[in-house]
C-alpha atoms as a PDB file:
ATOM      1  CA  MET A   1      28.387 -14.776  -6.915  1.00  0.00           C
ATOM      2  CA  GLY A   2      25.157 -13.815  -5.153  1.00  0.00           C
ATOM      3  CA  TYR A   3      21.880 -14.022  -7.009  1.00  0.00           C
ATOM      4  CA  LYS A   4      18.895 -11.759  -6.432  1.00  0.00           C
ATOM      5  CA  ILE A   5      15.313 -12.062  -7.508  1.00  0.00           C
ATOM      6  CA  LYS A   6      13.586  -8.830  -8.458  1.00  0.00           C
ATOM      7  CA  SER A   7       9.822  -8.710  -8.211  1.00  0.00           C
ATOM      8  CA  ARG A   8       6.942  -6.370  -7.435  1.00  0.00           C
ATOM      9  CA  ILE A   9       3.555  -7.451  -6.207  1.00  0.00           C
ATOM     10  CA  TRP A  10       0.316  -5.637  -6.875  1.00  0.00           C
ATOM     11  CA  ILE A  11      -3.344  -6.552  -6.742  1.00  0.00           C
ATOM     12  CA  GLU A  12      -5.709  -5.526  -9.524  1.00  0.00           C
ATOM     13  CA  SER A  13      -9.471  -5.269  -9.668  1.00  0.00           C
ATOM     14  CA  ASP A  14     -11.151  -5.110 -13.077  1.00  0.00           C
ATOM     15  CA  GLY A  15      -7.893  -4.058 -14.716  1.00  0.00           C
ATOM     16  CA  HIS A  16      -7.158  -1.275 -12.209  1.00  0.00           C
ATOM     17  CA  VAL A  17      -4.495  -1.427  -9.519  1.00  0.00           C
ATOM     18  CA  LEU A  18      -6.075  -1.815  -6.101  1.00  0.00           C
ATOM     19  CA  LEU A  19      -2.918  -2.179  -4.030  1.00  0.00           C
ATOM     20  CA  GLY A  20       0.808  -2.153  -4.576  1.00  0.00           C
ATOM     21  CA  GLU A  21       3.777  -1.202  -2.448  1.00  0.00           C
ATOM     22  CA  GLY A  22       3.383   2.534  -3.102  1.00  0.00           C
ATOM     23  CA  ARG A  23      -0.335   2.593  -2.364  1.00  0.00           C
ATOM     24  CA  VAL A  24       0.188   0.578   0.819  1.00  0.00           C
ATOM     25  CA  ARG A  25       2.950   2.961   1.937  1.00  0.00           C
ATOM     26  CA  LEU A  26       0.502   5.831   1.381  1.00  0.00           C
ATOM     27  CA  LEU A  27      -2.243   4.100   3.392  1.00  0.00           C
ATOM     28  CA  LYS A  28       0.197   3.417   6.230  1.00  0.00           C
ATOM     29  CA  ALA A  29       1.315   7.049   6.209  1.00  0.00           C
ATOM     30  CA  ILE A  30      -2.326   8.185   6.336  1.00  0.00           C
ATOM     31  CA  HIS A  31      -2.865   5.879   9.302  1.00  0.00           C
ATOM     32  CA  ASP A  32       0.226   7.285  11.039  1.00  0.00           C
ATOM     33  CA  THR A  33      -0.468  10.965  10.339  1.00  0.00           C
ATOM     34  CA  GLY A  34      -4.277  11.124  10.180  1.00  0.00           C
ATOM     35  CA  SER A  35      -4.026  13.292   7.084  1.00  0.00           C
ATOM     36  CA  LEU A  36      -3.613  12.783   3.348  1.00  0.00           C
ATOM     37  CA  SER A  37      -1.654  16.029   3.111  1.00  0.00           C
ATOM     38  CA  LYS A  38       0.748  15.043   5.898  1.00  0.00           C
ATOM     39  CA  ALA A  39       1.055  11.516   4.486  1.00  0.00           C
ATOM     40  CA  ALA A  40       1.939  12.896   1.047  1.00  0.00           C
ATOM     41  CA  LYS A  41       4.525  15.208   2.549  1.00  0.00           C
ATOM     42  CA  SER A  42       6.101  12.383   4.575  1.00  0.00           C
ATOM     43  CA  LEU A  43       6.471  10.325   1.375  1.00  0.00           C
ATOM     44  CA  ASN A  44       7.712  13.257  -0.738  1.00  0.00           C
ATOM     45  CA  LEU A  45       4.632  13.038  -2.971  1.00  0.00           C
ATOM     46  CA  SER A  46       2.642  15.938  -4.252  1.00  0.00           C
ATOM     47  CA  TYR A  47      -0.801  16.210  -2.696  1.00  0.00           C
ATOM     48  CA  LYS A  48      -2.317  15.762  -6.168  1.00  0.00           C
ATOM     49  CA  LYS A  49      -0.409  12.495  -6.774  1.00  0.00           C
ATOM     50  CA  ALA A  50      -1.342  11.168  -3.321  1.00  0.00           C
ATOM     51  CA  TRP A  51      -4.984  12.140  -3.852  1.00  0.00           C
ATOM     52  CA  HIS A  52      -5.066  10.319  -7.217  1.00  0.00           C
ATOM     53  CA  LEU A  53      -3.503   7.186  -5.694  1.00  0.00           C
ATOM     54  CA  LEU A  54      -5.966   7.198  -2.806  1.00  0.00           C
ATOM     55  CA  ASP A  55      -8.907   7.863  -5.123  1.00  0.00           C
ATOM     56  CA  SER A  56      -7.806   4.927  -7.292  1.00  0.00           C
ATOM     57  CA  VAL A  57      -7.669   2.624  -4.259  1.00  0.00           C
ATOM     58  CA  ASN A  58     -11.100   3.711  -3.041  1.00  0.00           C
ATOM     59  CA  LYS A  59     -12.652   3.293  -6.515  1.00  0.00           C
ATOM     60  CA  SER A  60     -11.131  -0.190  -6.978  1.00  0.00           C
ATOM     61  CA  ALA A  61     -11.991  -1.494  -3.494  1.00  0.00           C
ATOM     62  CA  LYS A  62     -15.245  -3.242  -2.632  1.00  0.00           C
ATOM     63  CA  LYS A  63     -15.728  -0.929   0.356  1.00  0.00           C
ATOM     64  CA  PRO A  64     -14.333   2.466   1.382  1.00  0.00           C
ATOM     65  CA  VAL A  65     -10.707   2.268   2.478  1.00  0.00           C
ATOM     66  CA  THR A  66     -10.609   5.737   4.040  1.00  0.00           C
ATOM     67  CA  ILE A  67     -12.959   8.193   5.682  1.00  0.00           C
ATOM     68  CA  ASN A  68     -12.507  11.915   5.172  1.00  0.00           C
ATOM     69  CA  ILE A  69     -13.303  14.153   8.122  1.00  0.00           C
ATOM     70  CA  THR A  70     -13.991  17.700   6.963  1.00  0.00           C
ATOM     71  CA  GLY A  71     -12.971  20.878   8.747  1.00  0.00           C
ATOM     72  CA  GLY A  72     -14.140  21.622  12.225  1.00  0.00           C
ATOM     73  CA  LYS A  73     -12.077  22.885  15.131  1.00  0.00           C
ATOM     74  CA  ASP A  74      -9.495  20.105  14.669  1.00  0.00           C
ATOM     75  CA  GLY A  75      -9.112  20.836  10.950  1.00  0.00           C
ATOM     76  CA  GLY A  76     -10.387  17.525   9.565  1.00  0.00           C
ATOM     77  CA  GLY A  77      -8.275  14.675   8.281  1.00  0.00           C
ATOM     78  CA  THR A  78      -8.315  11.210   6.770  1.00  0.00           C
ATOM     79  CA  THR A  79      -8.512   7.906   8.606  1.00  0.00           C
ATOM     80  CA  LEU A  80      -8.478   4.295   7.475  1.00  0.00           C
ATOM     81  CA  THR A  81     -11.561   2.146   7.762  1.00  0.00           C
ATOM     82  CA  ASP A  82     -11.305  -1.311   9.319  1.00  0.00           C
ATOM     83  CA  TYR A  83     -11.515  -2.633   5.749  1.00  0.00           C
ATOM     84  CA  GLY A  84      -8.553  -0.445   4.762  1.00  0.00           C
ATOM     85  CA  LYS A  85      -6.513  -1.688   7.717  1.00  0.00           C
ATOM     86  CA  ALA A  86      -7.370  -5.291   6.811  1.00  0.00           C
ATOM     87  CA  LEU A  87      -6.255  -4.745   3.202  1.00  0.00           C
ATOM     88  CA  ILE A  88      -2.862  -3.511   4.434  1.00  0.00           C
ATOM     89  CA  THR A  89      -2.440  -6.541   6.690  1.00  0.00           C
ATOM     90  CA  ILE A  90      -3.409  -8.938   3.916  1.00  0.00           C
ATOM     91  CA  PHE A  91      -1.164  -7.248   1.348  1.00  0.00           C
ATOM     92  CA  ASP A  92       1.797  -7.281   3.747  1.00  0.00           C
ATOM     93  CA  GLY A  93       1.217 -11.005   4.370  1.00  0.00           C
ATOM     94  CA  ILE A  94       1.039 -11.783   0.645  1.00  0.00           C
ATOM     95  CA  ASN A  95       4.179  -9.753   0.007  1.00  0.00           C
ATOM     96  CA  ARG A  96       6.089 -11.385   2.874  1.00  0.00           C
ATOM     97  CA  ASN A  97       5.007 -14.895   1.846  1.00  0.00           C
ATOM     98  CA  CYS A  98       5.970 -14.216  -1.753  1.00  0.00           C
ATOM     99  CA  TRP A  99       9.466 -13.086  -0.765  1.00  0.00           C
ATOM    100  CA  GLU A 100       9.931 -16.085   1.522  1.00  0.00           C
ATOM    101  CA  PHE A 101       8.874 -18.380  -1.336  1.00  0.00           C
ATOM    102  CA  LEU A 102      11.219 -16.681  -3.797  1.00  0.00           C
ATOM    103  CA  ASP A 103      14.135 -16.715  -1.346  1.00  0.00           C
ATOM    104  CA  ARG A 104      13.675 -20.452  -0.712  1.00  0.00           C
ATOM    105  CA  HIS A 105      13.758 -21.182  -4.423  1.00  0.00           C
ATOM    106  CA  LEU A 106      16.710 -18.885  -4.996  1.00  0.00           C
ATOM    107  CA  GLU A 107      18.638 -20.964  -2.453  1.00  0.00           C
ATOM    108  CA  THR A 108      18.167 -24.012  -4.709  1.00  0.00           C
ATOM    109  CA  ILE A 109      19.834 -22.145  -7.578  1.00  0.00           C
ATOM    110  CA  GLU A 110      22.707 -21.045  -5.348  1.00  0.00           C
ATOM    111  CA  LYS A 111      23.270 -24.659  -4.230  1.00  0.00           C
ATOM    112  CA  LEU A 112      23.745 -25.910  -7.806  1.00  0.00           C
ATOM    113  CA  LYS A 113      27.305 -26.896  -8.617  1.00  0.00           C
END
């Protein structure tokens, strides 16, 4: 019999979700595509849902997480700030460390006779 631990990690600020797996996936997609619209499409999210998630992150963060570039000949876009990139790195580290911790402790349960 194999055991599994189920868990989700998220970070809150003043009772509002700052980051969670979905928000981080959205930020990574924005980084990869340079566009909120393209990021939403790549994640099968509506633009409205993606916009609300991103707005929530920006309102909960201490500093701007993204910069919007309007129009122009290249059509504008969205990029991550250095702060936004750092938040992703930190969240990924917390998430990875949490899973490693949980896996180690799950092994102790599996070793019980």
